[in-house]
PDB file of N, CA and C in Angstrom:
ATOM      1  N   MET A   1     142.639-114.432  81.704  1.00  0.00           N
ATOM      2  CA  MET A   1     143.317-115.498  82.300  1.00  0.00           C
ATOM      3  C   MET A   1     143.925-116.365  81.105  1.00  0.00           C
ATOM      4  N   THR A   2     145.014-116.965  81.227  1.00  0.00           N
ATOM      5  CA  THR A   2     145.505-117.907  80.320  1.00  0.00           C
ATOM      6  C   THR A   2     144.721-119.137  80.155  1.00  0.00           C
ATOM      7  N   ALA A   3     145.090-119.920  79.047  1.00  0.00           N
ATOM      8  CA  ALA A   3     144.255-121.087  78.830  1.00  0.00           C
ATOM      9  C   ALA A   3     145.079-122.347  79.258  1.00  0.00           C
ATOM     10  N   PRO A   4     144.772-122.602  80.541  1.00  0.00           N
ATOM     11  CA  PRO A   4     145.453-123.801  81.076  1.00  0.00           C
ATOM     12  C   PRO A   4     145.252-125.098  80.190  1.00  0.00           C
ATOM     13  N   TYR A   5     146.195-125.856  79.951  1.00  0.00           N
ATOM     14  CA  TYR A   5     146.205-126.990  79.207  1.00  0.00           C
ATOM     15  C   TYR A   5     145.527-126.734  77.678  1.00  0.00           C
ATOM     16  N   GLY A   6     145.646-125.610  77.373  1.00  0.00           N
ATOM     17  CA  GLY A   6     145.055-125.201  76.049  1.00  0.00           C
ATOM     18  C   GLY A   6     143.552-125.003  75.864  1.00  0.00           C
ATOM     19  N   PHE A   7     142.876-125.123  77.199  1.00  0.00           N
ATOM     20  CA  PHE A   7     141.547-125.148  77.336  1.00  0.00           C
ATOM     21  C   PHE A   7     141.178-123.574  77.735  1.00  0.00           C
ATOM     22  N   ALA A   8     140.550-122.834  76.773  1.00  0.00           N
ATOM     23  CA  ALA A   8     140.296-121.518  76.920  1.00  0.00           C
ATOM     24  C   ALA A   8     138.802-121.321  77.742  1.00  0.00           C
ATOM     25  N   SER A   9     138.664-120.170  78.522  1.00  0.00           N
ATOM     26  CA  SER A   9     137.430-120.118  79.163  1.00  0.00           C
ATOM     27  C   SER A   9     136.363-119.550  78.202  1.00  0.00           C
ATOM     28  N   PRO A  10     135.448-120.015  78.400  1.00  0.00           N
ATOM     29  CA  PRO A  10     134.192-119.523  77.517  1.00  0.00           C
ATOM     30  C   PRO A  10     133.831-118.025  77.772  1.00  0.00           C
ATOM     31  N   THR A  11     133.616-117.159  76.650  1.00  0.00           N
ATOM     32  CA  THR A  11     133.243-115.871  76.935  1.00  0.00           C
ATOM     33  C   THR A  11     131.932-115.606  76.222  1.00  0.00           C
ATOM     34  N   LEU A  12     131.429-114.274  76.598  1.00  0.00           N
ATOM     35  CA  LEU A  12     130.184-113.830  75.872  1.00  0.00           C
ATOM     36  C   LEU A  12     130.219-113.857  74.374  1.00  0.00           C
ATOM     37  N   ILE A  13     131.328-113.593  73.837  1.00  0.00           N
ATOM     38  CA  ILE A  13     131.272-113.714  72.540  1.00  0.00           C
ATOM     39  C   ILE A  13     131.178-115.351  72.000  1.00  0.00           C
ATOM     40  N   ASP A  14     131.572-116.287  72.685  1.00  0.00           N
ATOM     41  CA  ASP A  14     131.285-117.642  72.432  1.00  0.00           C
ATOM     42  C   ASP A  14     129.992-117.964  72.724  1.00  0.00           C
ATOM     43  N   ALA A  15     129.190-117.213  73.692  1.00  0.00           N
ATOM     44  CA  ALA A  15     127.770-117.603  73.780  1.00  0.00           C
ATOM     45  C   ALA A  15     126.967-116.957  72.919  1.00  0.00           C
ATOM     46  N   GLU A  16     127.211-115.601  72.427  1.00  0.00           N
ATOM     47  CA  GLU A  16     126.730-115.124  71.271  1.00  0.00           C
ATOM     48  C   GLU A  16     126.833-115.991  69.813  1.00  0.00           C
ATOM     49  N   ASN A  17     127.876-116.356  69.620  1.00  0.00           N
ATOM     50  CA  ASN A  17     127.938-117.199  68.398  1.00  0.00           C
ATOM     51  C   ASN A  17     127.341-118.577  68.483  1.00  0.00           C
ATOM     52  N   ALA A  18     127.228-119.200  69.731  1.00  0.00           N
ATOM     53  CA  ALA A  18     126.295-120.257  69.883  1.00  0.00           C
ATOM     54  C   ALA A  18     124.835-119.863  69.757  1.00  0.00           C
ATOM     55  N   ILE A  19     124.330-119.076  70.304  1.00  0.00           N
ATOM     56  CA  ILE A  19     122.981-118.539  70.074  1.00  0.00           C
ATOM     57  C   ILE A  19     122.684-118.325  68.629  1.00  0.00           C
ATOM     58  N   HIS A  20     123.551-117.867  67.829  1.00  0.00           N
ATOM     59  CA  HIS A  20     123.337-117.357  66.550  1.00  0.00           C
ATOM     60  C   HIS A  20     123.390-118.861  65.682  1.00  0.00           C
ATOM     61  N   ARG A  21     124.179-119.753  66.208  1.00  0.00           N
ATOM     62  CA  ARG A  21     124.046-121.044  65.381  1.00  0.00           C
ATOM     63  C   ARG A  21     122.788-121.760  65.674  1.00  0.00           C
ATOM     64  N   LEU A  22     122.360-121.668  67.041  1.00  0.00           N
ATOM     65  CA  LEU A  22     121.076-122.412  67.328  1.00  0.00           C
ATOM     66  C   LEU A  22     119.866-121.904  66.732  1.00  0.00           C
ATOM     67  N   TYR A  23     119.915-120.301  66.497  1.00  0.00           N
ATOM     68  CA  TYR A  23     118.836-119.605  66.031  1.00  0.00           C
ATOM     69  C   TYR A  23     119.099-118.736  65.002  1.00  0.00           C
ATOM     70  N   PRO A  24     119.330-119.579  63.508  1.00  0.00           N
ATOM     71  CA  PRO A  24     119.980-118.693  62.632  1.00  0.00           C
ATOM     72  C   PRO A  24     119.102-117.591  62.151  1.00  0.00           C
ATOM     73  N   SER A  25     117.957-117.669  62.307  1.00  0.00           N
ATOM     74  CA  SER A  25     116.742-116.446  61.680  1.00  0.00           C
ATOM     75  C   SER A  25     116.712-115.301  62.738  1.00  0.00           C
ATOM     76  N   THR A  26     116.608-115.776  64.108  1.00  0.00           N
ATOM     77  CA  THR A  26     116.238-114.883  65.160  1.00  0.00           C
ATOM     78  C   THR A  26     117.250-114.698  66.375  1.00  0.00           C
ATOM     79  N   GLY A  27     118.542-115.183  65.995  1.00  0.00           N
ATOM     80  CA  GLY A  27     119.663-115.232  66.919  1.00  0.00           C
ATOM     81  C   GLY A  27     119.842-113.690  67.557  1.00  0.00           C
ATOM     82  N   SER A  28     119.771-112.655  66.767  1.00  0.00           N
ATOM     83  CA  SER A  28     119.944-111.361  67.163  1.00  0.00           C
ATOM     84  C   SER A  28     119.006-110.922  68.123  1.00  0.00           C
ATOM     85  N   GLN A  29     117.728-111.320  68.007  1.00  0.00           N
ATOM     86  CA  GLN A  29     116.788-110.793  68.836  1.00  0.00           C
ATOM     87  C   GLN A  29     116.820-111.789  70.230  1.00  0.00           C
ATOM     88  N   VAL A  30     117.225-113.075  70.124  1.00  0.00           N
ATOM     89  CA  VAL A  30     117.352-113.928  71.118  1.00  0.00           C
ATOM     90  C   VAL A  30     118.552-113.187  72.119  1.00  0.00           C
ATOM     91  N   TRP A  31     119.654-113.044  71.362  1.00  0.00           N
ATOM     92  CA  TRP A  31     120.624-112.436  71.998  1.00  0.00           C
ATOM     93  C   TRP A  31     120.388-111.174  72.852  1.00  0.00           C
ATOM     94  N   SER A  32     119.788-110.096  72.108  1.00  0.00           N
ATOM     95  CA  SER A  32     119.366-109.011  72.741  1.00  0.00           C
ATOM     96  C   SER A  32     118.405-109.121  73.989  1.00  0.00           C
ATOM     97  N   SER A  33     117.525-110.094  73.844  1.00  0.00           N
ATOM     98  CA  SER A  33     116.706-110.462  74.959  1.00  0.00           C
ATOM     99  C   SER A  33     117.540-110.862  76.167  1.00  0.00           C
ATOM    100  N   LEU A  34     118.387-111.867  75.866  1.00  0.00           N
ATOM    101  CA  LEU A  34     118.984-112.475  77.005  1.00  0.00           C
ATOM    102  C   LEU A  34     119.818-111.412  77.741  1.00  0.00           C
ATOM    103  N   LEU A  35     120.517-110.518  76.791  1.00  0.00           N
ATOM    104  CA  LEU A  35     121.423-109.352  77.648  1.00  0.00           C
ATOM    105  C   LEU A  35     120.618-108.571  78.373  1.00  0.00           C
ATOM    106  N   VAL A  36     119.324-108.231  78.075  1.00  0.00           N
ATOM    107  CA  VAL A  36     118.383-107.510  78.817  1.00  0.00           C
ATOM    108  C   VAL A  36     118.067-108.266  80.180  1.00  0.00           C
ATOM    109  N   LYS A  37     117.607-109.486  79.917  1.00  0.00           N
ATOM    110  CA  LYS A  37     117.348-110.361  81.118  1.00  0.00           C
ATOM    111  C   LYS A  37     118.479-110.427  81.952  1.00  0.00           C
ATOM    112  N   ALA A  38     119.752-110.345  81.499  1.00  0.00           N
ATOM    113  CA  ALA A  38     120.992-110.621  82.377  1.00  0.00           C
ATOM    114  C   ALA A  38     121.642-109.197  82.852  1.00  0.00           C
ATOM    115  N   GLY A  39     120.933-108.327  82.512  1.00  0.00           N
ATOM    116  CA  GLY A  39     121.555-106.778  82.625  1.00  0.00           C
ATOM    117  C   GLY A  39     122.784-106.658  82.196  1.00  0.00           C
ATOM    118  N   LEU A  40     123.202-106.912  81.177  1.00  0.00           N
ATOM    119  CA  LEU A  40     124.426-107.016  80.339  1.00  0.00           C
ATOM    120  C   LEU A  40     124.348-106.058  79.105  1.00  0.00           C
ATOM    121  N   THR A  41     125.608-105.482  78.618  1.00  0.00           N
ATOM    122  CA  THR A  41     125.581-104.861  77.577  1.00  0.00           C
ATOM    123  C   THR A  41     125.958-105.863  76.221  1.00  0.00           C
ATOM    124  N   GLY A  42     126.799-106.767  76.633  1.00  0.00           N
ATOM    125  CA  GLY A  42     127.355-107.732  75.660  1.00  0.00           C
ATOM    126  C   GLY A  42     128.869-107.183  75.338  1.00  0.00           C
ATOM    127  N   ARG A  43     129.404-106.474  76.228  1.00  0.00           N
ATOM    128  CA  ARG A  43     130.696-106.070  75.858  1.00  0.00           C
ATOM    129  C   ARG A  43     131.596-106.524  77.074  1.00  0.00           C
ATOM    130  N   GLU A  44     130.782-106.973  78.221  1.00  0.00           N
ATOM    131  CA  GLU A  44     131.568-107.455  79.326  1.00  0.00           C
ATOM    132  C   GLU A  44     132.597-108.612  79.170  1.00  0.00           C
ATOM    133  N   THR A  45     133.606-108.622  79.953  1.00  0.00           N
ATOM    134  CA  THR A  45     134.548-109.722  79.759  1.00  0.00           C
ATOM    135  C   THR A  45     135.013-110.549  80.838  1.00  0.00           C
ATOM    136  N   ASP A  46     134.188-110.376  81.885  1.00  0.00           N
ATOM    137  CA  ASP A  46     134.507-111.150  83.309  1.00  0.00           C
ATOM    138  C   ASP A  46     133.580-112.198  83.415  1.00  0.00           C
ATOM    139  N   GLY A  47     133.923-112.950  84.278  1.00  0.00           N
ATOM    140  CA  GLY A  47     133.275-114.337  84.542  1.00  0.00           C
ATOM    141  C   GLY A  47     131.877-113.954  85.170  1.00  0.00           C
ATOM    142  N   ASP A  48     131.902-113.016  86.094  1.00  0.00           N
ATOM    143  CA  ASP A  48     130.476-112.949  86.414  1.00  0.00           C
ATOM    144  C   ASP A  48     129.312-112.471  85.408  1.00  0.00           C
ATOM    145  N   ALA A  49     129.885-111.785  84.328  1.00  0.00           N
ATOM    146  CA  ALA A  49     128.769-111.620  83.317  1.00  0.00           C
ATOM    147  C   ALA A  49     128.422-112.669  82.567  1.00  0.00           C
ATOM    148  N   LEU A  50     129.426-113.684  82.313  1.00  0.00           N
ATOM    149  CA  LEU A  50     129.109-114.803  81.634  1.00  0.00           C
ATOM    150  C   LEU A  50     128.079-115.756  82.594  1.00  0.00           C
ATOM    151  N   ALA A  51     128.452-115.786  83.970  1.00  0.00           N
ATOM    152  CA  ALA A  51     127.487-116.356  84.858  1.00  0.00           C
ATOM    153  C   ALA A  51     126.167-115.941  84.899  1.00  0.00           C
ATOM    154  N   GLY A  52     125.992-114.591  84.829  1.00  0.00           N
ATOM    155  CA  GLY A  52     124.726-113.933  84.796  1.00  0.00           C
ATOM    156  C   GLY A  52     123.989-114.449  83.481  1.00  0.00           C
ATOM    157  N   LEU A  53     124.583-114.257  82.416  1.00  0.00           N
ATOM    158  CA  LEU A  53     124.065-114.884  80.979  1.00  0.00           C
ATOM    159  C   LEU A  53     123.585-116.126  81.027  1.00  0.00           C
ATOM    160  N   ILE A  54     124.499-117.202  81.625  1.00  0.00           N
ATOM    161  CA  ILE A  54     123.951-118.273  81.857  1.00  0.00           C
ATOM    162  C   ILE A  54     122.848-118.734  82.636  1.00  0.00           C
ATOM    163  N   ASP A  55     122.730-117.707  83.664  1.00  0.00           N
ATOM    164  CA  ASP A  55     121.593-117.772  84.402  1.00  0.00           C
ATOM    165  C   ASP A  55     120.331-117.545  83.686  1.00  0.00           C
ATOM    166  N   ALA A  56     120.346-116.407  82.889  1.00  0.00           N
ATOM    167  CA  ALA A  56     119.327-115.874  81.994  1.00  0.00           C
ATOM    168  C   ALA A  56     118.768-117.199  81.043  1.00  0.00           C
ATOM    169  N   MET A  57     120.079-117.780  80.281  1.00  0.00           N
ATOM    170  CA  MET A  57     119.741-118.651  79.390  1.00  0.00           C
ATOM    171  C   MET A  57     118.993-119.915  79.898  1.00  0.00           C
ATOM    172  N   GLU A  58     119.362-120.407  81.192  1.00  0.00           N
ATOM    173  CA  GLU A  58     118.691-121.555  81.684  1.00  0.00           C
ATOM    174  C   GLU A  58     117.182-121.338  82.052  1.00  0.00           C
ATOM    175  N   LYS A  59     116.698-120.090  82.001  1.00  0.00           N
ATOM    176  CA  LYS A  59     115.201-119.712  82.347  1.00  0.00           C
ATOM    177  C   LYS A  59     114.624-119.394  81.167  1.00  0.00           C
ATOM    178  N   THR A  60     115.178-119.611  80.010  1.00  0.00           N
ATOM    179  CA  THR A  60     114.460-119.114  78.726  1.00  0.00           C
ATOM    180  C   THR A  60     113.753-120.114  78.029  1.00  0.00           C
ATOM    181  N   ASP A  61     114.265-121.103  77.624  1.00  0.00           N
ATOM    182  CA  ASP A  61     113.552-122.305  76.915  1.00  0.00           C
ATOM    183  C   ASP A  61     114.508-123.474  76.931  1.00  0.00           C
ATOM    184  N   PRO A  62     114.201-124.529  76.697  1.00  0.00           N
ATOM    185  CA  PRO A  62     114.714-126.038  76.923  1.00  0.00           C
ATOM    186  C   PRO A  62     116.138-126.036  76.009  1.00  0.00           C
ATOM    187  N   VAL A  63     116.059-125.425  75.034  1.00  0.00           N
ATOM    188  CA  VAL A  63     117.307-125.356  73.993  1.00  0.00           C
ATOM    189  C   VAL A  63     118.378-124.602  74.694  1.00  0.00           C
ATOM    190  N   LEU A  64     118.017-123.420  75.013  1.00  0.00           N
ATOM    191  CA  LEU A  64     118.910-122.402  75.658  1.00  0.00           C
ATOM    192  C   LEU A  64     119.469-122.917  76.974  1.00  0.00           C
ATOM    193  N   SER A  65     118.598-123.767  77.649  1.00  0.00           N
ATOM    194  CA  SER A  65     118.960-124.340  78.951  1.00  0.00           C
ATOM    195  C   SER A  65     119.934-125.371  78.830  1.00  0.00           C
ATOM    196  N   LEU A  66     119.871-126.081  77.702  1.00  0.00           N
ATOM    197  CA  LEU A  66     121.014-127.043  77.495  1.00  0.00           C
ATOM    198  C   LEU A  66     122.311-126.368  77.079  1.00  0.00           C
ATOM    199  N   CYS A  67     122.187-125.469  76.377  1.00  0.00           N
ATOM    200  CA  CYS A  67     123.438-124.538  75.802  1.00  0.00           C
ATOM    201  C   CYS A  67     124.065-124.007  77.037  1.00  0.00           C
ATOM    202  N   ALA A  68     123.286-123.380  78.042  1.00  0.00           N
ATOM    203  CA  ALA A  68     123.658-122.776  79.359  1.00  0.00           C
ATOM    204  C   ALA A  68     124.429-123.995  80.184  1.00  0.00           C
ATOM    205  N   GLN A  69     123.774-125.230  80.286  1.00  0.00           N
ATOM    206  CA  GLN A  69     124.550-126.175  81.055  1.00  0.00           C
ATOM    207  C   GLN A  69     126.011-126.464  80.231  1.00  0.00           C
ATOM    208  N   ALA A  70     125.946-126.433  78.980  1.00  0.00           N
ATOM    209  CA  ALA A  70     127.364-126.732  78.424  1.00  0.00           C
ATOM    210  C   ALA A  70     128.218-125.525  78.700  1.00  0.00           C
ATOM    211  N   PHE A  71     127.809-124.270  78.614  1.00  0.00           N
ATOM    212  CA  PHE A  71     128.765-123.219  79.004  1.00  0.00           C
ATOM    213  C   PHE A  71     129.186-123.273  80.558  1.00  0.00           C
ATOM    214  N   ARG A  72     128.193-123.671  81.447  1.00  0.00           N
ATOM    215  CA  ARG A  72     128.535-123.921  82.811  1.00  0.00           C
ATOM    216  C   ARG A  72     129.524-124.927  83.153  1.00  0.00           C
ATOM    217  N   ILE A  73     129.339-125.999  82.323  1.00  0.00           N
ATOM    218  CA  ILE A  73     130.375-127.094  82.330  1.00  0.00           C
ATOM    219  C   ILE A  73     131.849-126.622  81.901  1.00  0.00           C
ATOM    220  N   ARG A  74     131.812-125.815  80.860  1.00  0.00           N
ATOM    221  CA  ARG A  74     133.020-125.512  80.137  1.00  0.00           C
ATOM    222  C   ARG A  74     133.640-124.369  81.051  1.00  0.00           C
ATOM    223  N   SER A  75     132.914-123.434  81.773  1.00  0.00           N
ATOM    224  CA  SER A  75     133.447-122.557  82.726  1.00  0.00           C
ATOM    225  C   SER A  75     133.949-123.057  84.081  1.00  0.00           C
ATOM    226  N   THR A  76     133.219-124.075  84.648  1.00  0.00           N
ATOM    227  CA  THR A  76     133.598-124.726  85.759  1.00  0.00           C
ATOM    228  C   THR A  76     134.865-125.562  85.420  1.00  0.00           C
ATOM    229  N   ALA A  77     135.037-126.409  84.437  1.00  0.00           N
ATOM    230  CA  ALA A  77     136.188-127.100  83.944  1.00  0.00           C
ATOM    231  C   ALA A  77     137.498-126.115  83.765  1.00  0.00           C
ATOM    232  N   HIS A  78     137.113-125.082  83.140  1.00  0.00           N
ATOM    233  CA  HIS A  78     138.451-123.976  83.004  1.00  0.00           C
ATOM    234  C   HIS A  78     138.899-123.617  84.437  1.00  0.00           C
ATOM    235  N   THR A  79     137.825-123.304  85.286  1.00  0.00           N
ATOM    236  CA  THR A  79     138.331-122.802  86.568  1.00  0.00           C
ATOM    237  C   THR A  79     139.257-124.007  87.337  1.00  0.00           C
ATOM    238  N   ALA A  80     138.698-125.151  87.172  1.00  0.00           N
ATOM    239  CA  ALA A  80     139.440-126.392  87.883  1.00  0.00           C
ATOM    240  C   ALA A  80     140.844-126.552  87.220  1.00  0.00           C
ATOM    241  N   LEU A  81     140.865-126.492  85.953  1.00  0.00           N
ATOM    242  CA  LEU A  81     142.142-126.567  85.122  1.00  0.00           C
ATOM    243  C   LEU A  81     143.099-125.653  85.554  1.00  0.00           C
ATOM    244  N   ALA A  82     142.621-124.336  85.743  1.00  0.00           N
ATOM    245  CA  ALA A  82     143.344-123.345  86.059  1.00  0.00           C
ATOM    246  C   ALA A  82     143.857-123.522  87.414  1.00  0.00           C
ATOM    247  N   ALA A  83     143.066-123.841  88.455  1.00  0.00           N
ATOM    248  CA  ALA A  83     143.603-124.157  89.749  1.00  0.00           C
ATOM    249  C   ALA A  83     144.566-125.180  89.811  1.00  0.00           C
ATOM    250  N   ALA A  84     144.378-126.259  89.062  1.00  0.00           N
ATOM    251  CA  ALA A  84     145.351-127.349  88.919  1.00  0.00           C
ATOM    252  C   ALA A  84     146.492-127.062  88.293  1.00  0.00           C
ATOM    253  N   ASP A  85     146.518-126.164  87.204  1.00  0.00           N
ATOM    254  CA  ASP A  85     147.800-125.736  86.696  1.00  0.00           C
ATOM    255  C   ASP A  85     148.677-124.891  87.624  1.00  0.00           C
ATOM    256  N   THR A  86     147.982-124.054  88.447  1.00  0.00           N
ATOM    257  CA  THR A  86     148.489-123.121  89.423  1.00  0.00           C
ATOM    258  C   THR A  86     149.237-124.124  90.449  1.00  0.00           C
ATOM    259  N   LEU A  87     148.494-125.072  90.970  1.00  0.00           N
ATOM    260  CA  LEU A  87     149.280-125.996  91.838  1.00  0.00           C
ATOM    261  C   LEU A  87     150.382-126.672  91.383  1.00  0.00           C
ATOM    262  N   VAL A  88     150.367-127.112  90.158  1.00  0.00           N
ATOM    263  CA  VAL A  88     151.473-127.872  89.332  1.00  0.00           C
ATOM    264  C   VAL A  88     152.617-126.910  89.282  1.00  0.00           C
ATOM    265  N   ARG A  89     152.359-125.713  88.904  1.00  0.00           N
ATOM    266  CA  ARG A  89     153.440-124.861  88.468  1.00  0.00           C
ATOM    267  C   ARG A  89     154.079-124.474  89.974  1.00  0.00           C
ATOM    268  N   GLY A  90     153.328-124.261  91.029  1.00  0.00           N
ATOM    269  CA  GLY A  90     153.869-124.055  92.315  1.00  0.00           C
ATOM    270  C   GLY A  90     154.682-125.152  92.980  1.00  0.00           C
ATOM    271  N   ALA A  91     154.316-126.336  92.378  1.00  0.00           N
ATOM    272  CA  ALA A  91     155.265-127.442  93.034  1.00  0.00           C
ATOM    273  C   ALA A  91     156.618-127.562  92.211  1.00  0.00           C
ATOM    274  N   GLU A  92     156.630-126.953  90.982  1.00  0.00           N
ATOM    275  CA  GLU A  92     157.885-127.336  90.305  1.00  0.00           C
ATOM    276  C   GLU A  92     159.214-126.391  90.921  1.00  0.00           C
TER     277      GLU A  92
END
């Protein structure tokens, strides 16, 4: 999907990068554990994969739960902006 209003949808790569910033020493282990909990490989690119990862993050620890909330907000905002962009373009 394009980036409506310049706002790109978050991806698994974004989540992995965030986890490595949160846990510089153990980020790889945390990431691997989350992928297992979410039933993912880490190579998925669809929104359902991100939603599954967010769910797994919310159930892990308070820091990852906050990070998950931020990703859920970003994802929801992107979906809303994409819908608004479609409506605006359709009205032109």
